[in-house]
């Protein structure tokens, strides 16, 4: 009798052990730059089950941008609790990688499905490599913007006037065809203008005196 009872419980144990349970599989990119967003996929595959619990653990200090419908009340955790009518689904959540970090960062998590007798680990990728990206200083950025602006200005009409000890003024329609006028040329132009004005004045006076007669 005791043998039959033992055999009965042994059969139950093996039957329960061979019941298939669902699984959770994590998918991570191989690497990501510091300060950037990273998208994580969590695939849930069921075996005729109607409820499950997922507890996903992310690296400390990483900001949750999109929780993918998970509960985030506990720091560094995303939890999905489905109590009925469960279906195969792929959860997608988004994190922001902190600035100025690099190296390998690990993910972990546990899950338990209707057919499970104990918790199991989330399968799939467990780590990601973060590449350090140095931020350019504001001075370099301003210098770059100024350089771009100067380059843009040179494409159009440009007038450059220099005072003090400068001996010339540069006028250029564009950077490829500059026109240079020296100070001497300007002085000569003034003399020509004065001489031409004097000639016009003499002609005007001659005409005026002639008409009066």
Protein backbone atom coordinates (compact mmCIF):
# COMPACT_ATOMS: atom_id res chain seq x y z
CA UNK A 1 0.00 0.00 0.00
CA UNK A 2 2.75 2.44 0.97
CA UNK A 3 4.53 1.55 -2.27
CA UNK A 4 1.46 2.47 -4.35
CA UNK A 5 1.04 5.80 -2.51
CA UNK A 6 4.70 6.63 -3.05
CA UNK A 7 4.46 5.74 -6.72
CA UNK A 8 1.35 7.92 -7.06
CA UNK A 9 3.07 11.00 -5.60
CA UNK A 10 6.18 10.30 -7.68
CA UNK A 11 4.04 10.33 -10.86
CA UNK A 12 2.43 13.61 -9.80
CA UNK A 13 5.89 15.13 -9.18
CA UNK A 14 7.14 14.15 -12.63
CA UNK A 15 3.95 15.31 -14.34
CA UNK A 16 4.15 18.72 -12.67
CA UNK A 17 7.84 18.93 -13.51
CA UNK A 18 7.20 18.36 -17.21
CA UNK A 19 4.40 20.92 -17.51
CA UNK A 20 5.65 23.66 -19.82
CA UNK A 21 5.67 27.20 -18.46
CA UNK A 22 5.94 30.51 -20.22
CA UNK A 23 9.14 32.47 -20.70
CA UNK A 24 10.40 36.05 -20.82
CA UNK A 25 13.25 36.91 -23.20
CA UNK A 26 15.14 40.23 -23.09
CA UNK A 27 16.66 41.81 -26.20
CA UNK A 28 19.35 44.51 -25.84
CA UNK A 29 21.51 46.31 -28.41
CA UNK A 30 25.20 45.40 -28.32
CA UNK A 31 26.27 48.93 -27.38
CA UNK A 32 25.01 52.47 -26.87
CA UNK A 33 26.58 55.92 -26.42
CA UNK A 34 26.49 57.64 -23.04
CA UNK A 35 23.74 60.23 -22.73
CA UNK A 36 21.59 58.51 -25.38
CA UNK A 37 18.31 56.60 -25.22
CA UNK A 38 18.31 52.81 -25.41
CA UNK A 39 15.32 50.67 -26.39
CA UNK A 40 14.80 47.30 -24.65
CA UNK A 41 12.42 44.59 -25.81
CA UNK A 42 10.93 41.97 -23.49
CA UNK A 43 9.15 39.10 -25.29
CA UNK A 44 6.55 37.15 -23.29
CA UNK A 45 5.75 33.65 -24.58
CA UNK A 46 2.94 31.75 -22.86
CA UNK A 47 2.03 28.07 -22.67
CA UNK A 48 -1.77 28.19 -22.33
CA UNK A 49 -1.43 30.42 -19.27
CA UNK A 50 -3.66 33.26 -18.13
CA UNK A 51 -1.50 35.12 -15.60
CA UNK A 52 2.13 35.95 -14.84
CA UNK A 53 4.44 38.39 -13.04
CA UNK A 54 7.62 40.00 -14.46
CA UNK A 55 10.18 41.90 -12.37
CA UNK A 56 12.82 43.58 -14.55
CA UNK A 57 15.87 45.15 -12.88
CA UNK A 58 17.81 47.89 -14.70
CA UNK A 59 21.23 49.45 -13.98
CA UNK A 60 21.20 51.95 -11.14
CA UNK A 61 21.01 55.60 -12.18
CA UNK A 62 19.51 54.97 -15.62
CA UNK A 63 16.46 57.15 -16.22
CA UNK A 64 13.21 55.51 -17.34
CA UNK A 65 11.89 57.47 -20.33
CA UNK A 66 9.09 55.07 -21.31
CA UNK A 67 8.05 52.32 -18.87
CA UNK A 68 6.20 50.23 -21.47
CA UNK A 69 3.20 49.93 -19.18
CA UNK A 70 5.17 48.66 -16.20
CA UNK A 71 4.92 49.69 -12.56
CA UNK A 72 8.01 51.74 -11.61
CA UNK A 73 7.22 52.54 -7.99
CA UNK A 74 10.35 50.66 -6.87
CA UNK A 75 13.65 52.24 -7.89
CA UNK A 76 15.43 50.53 -10.79
CA UNK A 77 12.56 48.05 -11.24
CA UNK A 78 9.90 47.62 -13.91
CA UNK A 79 7.10 45.23 -12.97
CA UNK A 80 4.30 43.79 -15.07
CA UNK A 81 1.50 41.93 -13.24
CA UNK A 82 -1.12 40.26 -15.43
CA UNK A 83 -3.82 38.45 -13.43
CA UNK A 84 -6.12 37.24 -16.21
CA UNK A 85 -6.52 36.80 -19.96
CA UNK A 86 -2.78 36.89 -20.57
CA UNK A 87 -1.51 36.80 -24.14
CA UNK A 88 1.84 36.63 -25.90
CA UNK A 89 3.22 40.15 -26.05
CA UNK A 90 6.41 42.13 -26.56
CA UNK A 91 7.01 44.92 -24.05
CA UNK A 92 9.17 47.82 -25.18
CA UNK A 93 10.65 50.21 -22.63
CA UNK A 94 13.11 53.07 -23.06
CA UNK A 95 15.96 54.18 -20.80
CA UNK A 96 18.29 57.18 -20.86
CA UNK A 97 21.94 56.27 -20.35
CA UNK A 98 23.69 58.64 -17.89
CA UNK A 99 26.26 61.12 -19.18
CA UNK A 100 29.99 60.50 -18.88
CA UNK A 101 29.90 56.75 -18.19
CA UNK A 102 31.39 53.80 -20.02
CA UNK A 103 31.85 50.07 -19.68
CA UNK A 104 29.59 47.05 -19.34
CA UNK A 105 26.26 47.34 -17.54
CA UNK A 106 24.09 44.39 -16.55
CA UNK A 107 20.36 43.75 -16.56
CA UNK A 108 18.55 41.09 -14.56
CA UNK A 109 15.02 40.01 -13.81
CA UNK A 110 12.71 37.27 -12.63
CA UNK A 111 9.36 36.00 -13.84
CA UNK A 112 6.71 33.55 -12.72
CA UNK A 113 3.96 32.12 -14.91
CA UNK A 114 0.80 30.17 -14.13
CA UNK A 115 2.48 26.83 -14.78
CA UNK A 116 5.59 27.63 -12.75
CA UNK A 117 6.17 26.16 -9.31
CA UNK A 118 8.93 28.71 -8.59
CA UNK A 119 10.41 31.88 -10.06
CA UNK A 120 12.63 31.70 -13.12
CA UNK A 121 15.10 34.18 -14.54
CA UNK A 122 14.37 36.40 -17.50
CA UNK A 123 16.29 34.90 -20.41
CA UNK A 124 18.09 36.57 -23.31
CA UNK A 125 20.64 39.39 -23.27
CA UNK A 126 21.94 40.44 -19.87
CA UNK A 127 24.53 43.16 -20.59
CA UNK A 128 25.21 46.17 -22.78
CA UNK A 129 28.40 48.13 -23.54
CA UNK A 130 28.28 51.91 -23.04
CA UNK A 131 30.65 54.04 -25.12
CA UNK A 132 31.80 57.29 -23.55
CA UNK A 133 30.94 60.37 -25.61
CA UNK A 134 32.67 63.57 -24.54
CA UNK A 135 30.51 66.68 -24.71
CA UNK A 136 32.04 69.64 -26.53
CA UNK A 137 32.38 72.78 -24.42
CA UNK A 138 30.10 75.73 -25.02
CA UNK A 139 33.13 77.77 -26.09
CA UNK A 140 33.97 75.30 -28.81
CA UNK A 141 30.34 75.25 -29.87
CA UNK A 142 30.19 79.06 -30.03
CA UNK A 143 33.45 79.13 -31.95
CA UNK A 144 32.12 76.57 -34.40
CA UNK A 145 28.87 78.50 -34.84
CA UNK A 146 30.82 81.71 -35.34
CA UNK A 147 33.04 80.02 -37.91
CA UNK A 148 30.00 78.70 -39.76
CA UNK A 149 28.41 82.14 -39.70
CA UNK A 150 31.56 83.77 -41.01
CA UNK A 151 31.79 81.20 -43.76
CA UNK A 152 28.17 81.85 -44.66
CA UNK A 153 28.75 85.62 -44.69
CA UNK A 154 31.67 85.25 -47.05
CA UNK A 155 29.39 83.69 -49.65
CA UNK A 156 27.42 86.94 -50.01
CA UNK A 157 28.37 90.60 -50.31
CA UNK A 158 30.96 91.67 -47.76
CA UNK A 159 32.30 95.07 -46.77
CA UNK A 160 35.20 95.33 -44.35
CA UNK A 161 36.23 98.74 -42.99
CA UNK A 162 39.32 99.15 -40.82
CA UNK A 163 40.12 102.33 -38.92
CA UNK A 164 43.24 103.59 -37.20
CA UNK A 165 46.51 102.72 -38.88
CA UNK A 166 44.87 100.71 -41.63
CA UNK A 167 46.01 101.62 -45.13
CA UNK A 168 43.20 100.01 -47.10
CA UNK A 169 39.51 99.12 -47.20
CA UNK A 170 38.43 95.80 -48.66
CA UNK A 171 35.21 95.36 -50.59
CA UNK A 172 34.30 91.92 -51.87
CA UNK A 173 31.23 90.57 -53.57
CA UNK A 174 32.33 87.12 -52.50
CA UNK A 175 35.47 85.52 -51.15
CA UNK A 176 36.74 84.54 -54.60
CA UNK A 177 36.75 88.04 -56.16
CA UNK A 178 38.04 90.68 -53.69
CA UNK A 179 38.41 94.33 -54.74
CA UNK A 180 41.09 96.26 -52.90
CA UNK A 181 41.11 100.09 -52.82
CA UNK A 182 44.12 101.76 -51.27
CA UNK A 183 44.08 104.95 -49.25
CA UNK A 184 46.01 106.68 -52.02
CA UNK A 185 43.30 105.78 -54.51
CA UNK A 186 40.67 107.31 -52.24
CA UNK A 187 42.70 110.56 -51.87
CA UNK A 188 43.13 110.76 -55.63
CA UNK A 189 39.42 110.23 -56.09
CA UNK A 190 38.72 113.16 -53.80
CA UNK A 191 41.04 115.40 -55.89
CA UNK A 192 39.35 114.31 -59.12
CA UNK A 193 35.94 114.99 -57.64
CA UNK A 194 36.98 118.45 -56.44
CA UNK A 195 38.50 119.30 -59.85
CA UNK A 196 35.40 118.06 -61.68
CA UNK A 197 33.15 120.10 -59.36
CA UNK A 198 35.23 123.23 -60.03
CA UNK A 199 34.94 122.75 -63.82
CA UNK A 200 31.16 122.37 -63.51
CA UNK A 201 30.98 125.53 -61.42
CA UNK A 202 32.97 127.53 -64.02
CA UNK A 203 30.76 126.24 -66.85
CA UNK A 204 27.66 127.16 -64.85
CA UNK A 205 28.92 130.73 -64.22
CA UNK A 206 29.85 131.24 -67.89
CA UNK A 207 26.38 130.08 -68.97
CA UNK A 208 24.74 132.32 -66.38
CA UNK A 209 26.68 135.44 -67.46
CA UNK A 210 26.01 134.67 -71.11
CA UNK A 211 22.27 134.38 -70.56
CA UNK A 212 22.11 137.69 -68.64
CA UNK A 213 23.38 139.54 -71.69
